[in-house]
Amino acid sequence: MTIPTPVPTTPPAIPLTPELRAAYQDLYNKLETAIENTTDGGALAALNASQTEVDNVLTKDAMYRLNANTALYDALLQQIDSANDGLQALQTQIEAISSGVSTFGEILSAINKVLTLVSAA
């Protein structure tokens, strides 16, 4: 029985969709089972070649996903570093302001003391 093979009209999405990736994985598993159960040398060679090709698709898809995730990870890490640099600058500014506030608080306290003593005299 011959099963008609559909001819793709557009390239598949990359990375592979979960459904297509699962189909490749299922094909890989079926090829593995056939390899384990065949004794025909010609069939074995063809099955091994096909399984290698399918494995390469799965491997390259995984590598693509990893690289895409690595790119996102790197972008996120850059964003975190940039945000932390900004936060450190803000922290330095706040520390400078707060030390000034402390000094101003001491000056106000001293002025209050002088004014209190002057009005009591």
C-alpha atoms as a PDB file:
ATOM      1  CA  MET A   1       0.000   0.000   0.000  1.00  0.00           C
ATOM      2  CA  THR A   2       1.368   3.383  -0.995  1.00  0.00           C
ATOM      3  CA  ILE A   3       0.683   6.369   1.223  1.00  0.00           C
ATOM      4  CA  PRO A   4       0.770   9.662  -0.674  1.00  0.00           C
ATOM      5  CA  THR A   5       3.342  12.034   0.742  1.00  0.00           C
ATOM      6  CA  PRO A   6       2.133  15.596   1.114  1.00  0.00           C
ATOM      7  CA  VAL A   7       4.481  18.100  -0.489  1.00  0.00           C
ATOM      8  CA  PRO A   8       5.169  21.057   1.821  1.00  0.00           C
ATOM      9  CA  THR A   9       4.295  24.379   0.221  1.00  0.00           C
ATOM     10  CA  THR A  10       5.936  26.555   2.879  1.00  0.00           C
ATOM     11  CA  PRO A  11       8.940  25.897   5.089  1.00  0.00           C
ATOM     12  CA  PRO A  12       8.191  24.772   8.641  1.00  0.00           C
ATOM     13  CA  ALA A  13       8.347  27.191  11.528  1.00  0.00           C
ATOM     14  CA  ILE A  14      11.685  27.338  13.269  1.00  0.00           C
ATOM     15  CA  PRO A  15      11.969  26.449  16.023  1.00  0.00           C
ATOM     16  CA  LEU A  16       9.765  23.479  15.292  1.00  0.00           C
ATOM     17  CA  THR A  17       6.246  23.621  16.632  1.00  0.00           C
ATOM     18  CA  PRO A  18       5.646  21.225  19.537  1.00  0.00           C
ATOM     19  CA  GLU A  19       3.444  19.107  17.258  1.00  0.00           C
ATOM     20  CA  LEU A  20       6.087  18.844  14.512  1.00  0.00           C
ATOM     21  CA  ARG A  21       8.867  18.202  17.027  1.00  0.00           C
ATOM     22  CA  ALA A  22       6.765  15.414  18.564  1.00  0.00           C
ATOM     23  CA  ALA A  23       6.208  13.958  15.079  1.00  0.00           C
ATOM     24  CA  TYR A  24       9.955  13.909  14.422  1.00  0.00           C
ATOM     25  CA  GLN A  25      10.553  12.320  17.826  1.00  0.00           C
ATOM     26  CA  ASP A  26       7.902   9.690  17.123  1.00  0.00           C
ATOM     27  CA  LEU A  27       9.507   8.949  13.751  1.00  0.00           C
ATOM     28  CA  TYR A  28      12.913   8.664  15.418  1.00  0.00           C
ATOM     29  CA  ASN A  29      11.526   6.189  17.959  1.00  0.00           C
ATOM     30  CA  LYS A  30       9.829   4.116  15.237  1.00  0.00           C
ATOM     31  CA  LEU A  31      13.045   4.054  13.223  1.00  0.00           C
ATOM     32  CA  GLU A  32      14.907   2.888  16.349  1.00  0.00           C
ATOM     33  CA  THR A  33      12.424   0.068  16.852  1.00  0.00           C
ATOM     34  CA  ALA A  34      12.732  -0.957  13.201  1.00  0.00           C
ATOM     35  CA  ILE A  35      16.549  -0.888  13.430  1.00  0.00           C
ATOM     36  CA  GLU A  36      16.484  -3.102  16.489  1.00  0.00           C
ATOM     37  CA  ASN A  37      14.144  -5.611  14.789  1.00  0.00           C
ATOM     38  CA  THR A  38      15.626  -5.916  11.311  1.00  0.00           C
ATOM     39  CA  THR A  39      18.221  -8.328  10.035  1.00  0.00           C
ATOM     40  CA  ASP A  40      18.209  -7.056   6.445  1.00  0.00           C
ATOM     41  CA  GLY A  41      21.506  -5.270   5.802  1.00  0.00           C
ATOM     42  CA  GLY A  42      20.138  -2.948   3.097  1.00  0.00           C
ATOM     43  CA  ALA A  43      17.132  -1.966   5.186  1.00  0.00           C
ATOM     44  CA  LEU A  44      19.358  -1.475   8.223  1.00  0.00           C
ATOM     45  CA  ALA A  45      21.617   0.936   6.313  1.00  0.00           C
ATOM     46  CA  ALA A  46      18.641   2.939   5.035  1.00  0.00           C
ATOM     47  CA  LEU A  47      16.990   3.009   8.472  1.00  0.00           C
ATOM     48  CA  ASN A  48      20.232   4.127  10.149  1.00  0.00           C
ATOM     49  CA  ALA A  49      20.729   6.897   7.573  1.00  0.00           C
ATOM     50  CA  SER A  50      17.170   8.128   8.024  1.00  0.00           C
ATOM     51  CA  GLN A  51      17.412   7.978  11.805  1.00  0.00           C
ATOM     52  CA  THR A  52      20.622  10.023  11.685  1.00  0.00           C
ATOM     53  CA  GLU A  53      18.904  12.660   9.552  1.00  0.00           C
ATOM     54  CA  VAL A  54      15.915  12.831  11.907  1.00  0.00           C
ATOM     55  CA  ASP A  55      18.257  13.001  14.915  1.00  0.00           C
ATOM     56  CA  ASN A  56      20.095  15.897  13.244  1.00  0.00           C
ATOM     57  CA  VAL A  57      16.805  17.775  12.844  1.00  0.00           C
ATOM     58  CA  LEU A  58      15.960  17.246  16.526  1.00  0.00           C
ATOM     59  CA  THR A  59      19.474  18.174  17.635  1.00  0.00           C
ATOM     60  CA  LYS A  60      19.633  21.319  15.516  1.00  0.00           C
ATOM     61  CA  ASP A  61      16.179  22.362  16.681  1.00  0.00           C
ATOM     62  CA  ALA A  62      17.333  21.929  20.285  1.00  0.00           C
ATOM     63  CA  MET A  63      20.482  23.941  19.551  1.00  0.00           C
ATOM     64  CA  TYR A  64      18.409  26.687  17.938  1.00  0.00           C
ATOM     65  CA  ARG A  65      16.164  26.814  20.992  1.00  0.00           C
ATOM     66  CA  LEU A  66      19.171  26.897  23.310  1.00  0.00           C
ATOM     67  CA  ASN A  67      20.797  29.694  21.341  1.00  0.00           C
ATOM     68  CA  ALA A  68      17.559  31.637  21.248  1.00  0.00           C
ATOM     69  CA  ASN A  69      17.205  31.184  24.987  1.00  0.00           C
ATOM     70  CA  THR A  70      20.852  32.079  25.452  1.00  0.00           C
ATOM     71  CA  ALA A  71      20.256  35.283  23.515  1.00  0.00           C
ATOM     72  CA  LEU A  72      17.283  36.091  25.739  1.00  0.00           C
ATOM     73  CA  TYR A  73      19.321  35.184  28.805  1.00  0.00           C
ATOM     74  CA  ASP A  74      22.148  37.466  27.655  1.00  0.00           C
ATOM     75  CA  ALA A  75      19.688  40.282  26.949  1.00  0.00           C
ATOM     76  CA  LEU A  76      18.099  39.824  30.357  1.00  0.00           C
ATOM     77  CA  LEU A  77      21.508  39.728  32.040  1.00  0.00           C
ATOM     78  CA  GLN A  78      22.489  42.944  30.240  1.00  0.00           C
ATOM     79  CA  GLN A  79      19.236  44.553  31.366  1.00  0.00           C
ATOM     80  CA  ILE A  80      19.822  43.447  34.960  1.00  0.00           C
ATOM     81  CA  ASP A  81      23.379  44.828  34.886  1.00  0.00           C
ATOM     82  CA  SER A  82      22.144  48.116  33.439  1.00  0.00           C
ATOM     83  CA  ALA A  83      19.368  48.357  36.032  1.00  0.00           C
ATOM     84  CA  ASN A  84      21.811  47.564  38.838  1.00  0.00           C
ATOM     85  CA  ASP A  85      24.220  50.260  37.626  1.00  0.00           C
ATOM     86  CA  GLY A  86      21.353  52.753  37.712  1.00  0.00           C
ATOM     87  CA  LEU A  87      20.304  51.565  41.167  1.00  0.00           C
ATOM     88  CA  GLN A  88      23.846  51.953  42.486  1.00  0.00           C
ATOM     89  CA  ALA A  89      23.981  55.515  41.131  1.00  0.00           C
ATOM     90  CA  LEU A  90      20.623  56.270  42.758  1.00  0.00           C
ATOM     91  CA  GLN A  91      21.824  54.747  46.018  1.00  0.00           C
ATOM     92  CA  THR A  92      24.891  57.004  45.963  1.00  0.00           C
ATOM     93  CA  GLN A  93      22.694  60.067  45.335  1.00  0.00           C
ATOM     94  CA  ILE A  94      20.295  59.128  48.120  1.00  0.00           C
ATOM     95  CA  GLU A  95      23.178  58.529  50.529  1.00  0.00           C
ATOM     96  CA  ALA A  96      24.600  61.974  49.662  1.00  0.00           C
ATOM     97  CA  ILE A  97      21.200  63.616  50.166  1.00  0.00           C
ATOM     98  CA  SER A  98      20.512  61.759  53.401  1.00  0.00           C
ATOM     99  CA  SER A  99      23.884  62.693  54.863  1.00  0.00           C
ATOM    100  CA  GLY A 100      23.089  66.305  53.942  1.00  0.00           C
ATOM    101  CA  VAL A 101      19.669  65.968  55.594  1.00  0.00           C
ATOM    102  CA  SER A 102      21.347  64.692  58.705  1.00  0.00           C
ATOM    103  CA  THR A 103      23.657  67.700  58.699  1.00  0.00           C
ATOM    104  CA  PHE A 104      20.722  70.044  58.087  1.00  0.00           C
ATOM    105  CA  GLY A 105      18.869  68.367  60.936  1.00  0.00           C
ATOM    106  CA  GLU A 106      21.794  69.070  63.242  1.00  0.00           C
ATOM    107  CA  ILE A 107      21.916  72.714  62.063  1.00  0.00           C
ATOM    108  CA  LEU A 108      18.163  73.129  62.625  1.00  0.00           C
ATOM    109  CA  SER A 109      18.536  71.642  66.071  1.00  0.00           C
ATOM    110  CA  ALA A 110      21.376  74.051  66.863  1.00  0.00           C
ATOM    111  CA  ILE A 111      19.362  77.028  65.518  1.00  0.00           C
ATOM    112  CA  ASN A 112      16.378  75.944  67.594  1.00  0.00           C
ATOM    113  CA  LYS A 113      18.587  75.744  70.686  1.00  0.00           C
ATOM    114  CA  VAL A 114      19.998  79.221  70.070  1.00  0.00           C
ATOM    115  CA  LEU A 115      16.563  80.722  69.438  1.00  0.00           C
ATOM    116  CA  THR A 116      15.133  78.970  72.491  1.00  0.00           C
ATOM    117  CA  LEU A 117      17.942  80.256  74.680  1.00  0.00           C
ATOM    118  CA  VAL A 118      17.674  83.769  73.202  1.00  0.00           C
ATOM    119  CA  SER A 119      13.939  83.947  73.786  1.00  0.00           C
ATOM    120  CA  ALA A 120      14.390  82.660  77.324  1.00  0.00           C
ATOM    121  CA  ALA A 121      16.939  85.323  78.142  1.00  0.00           C
END
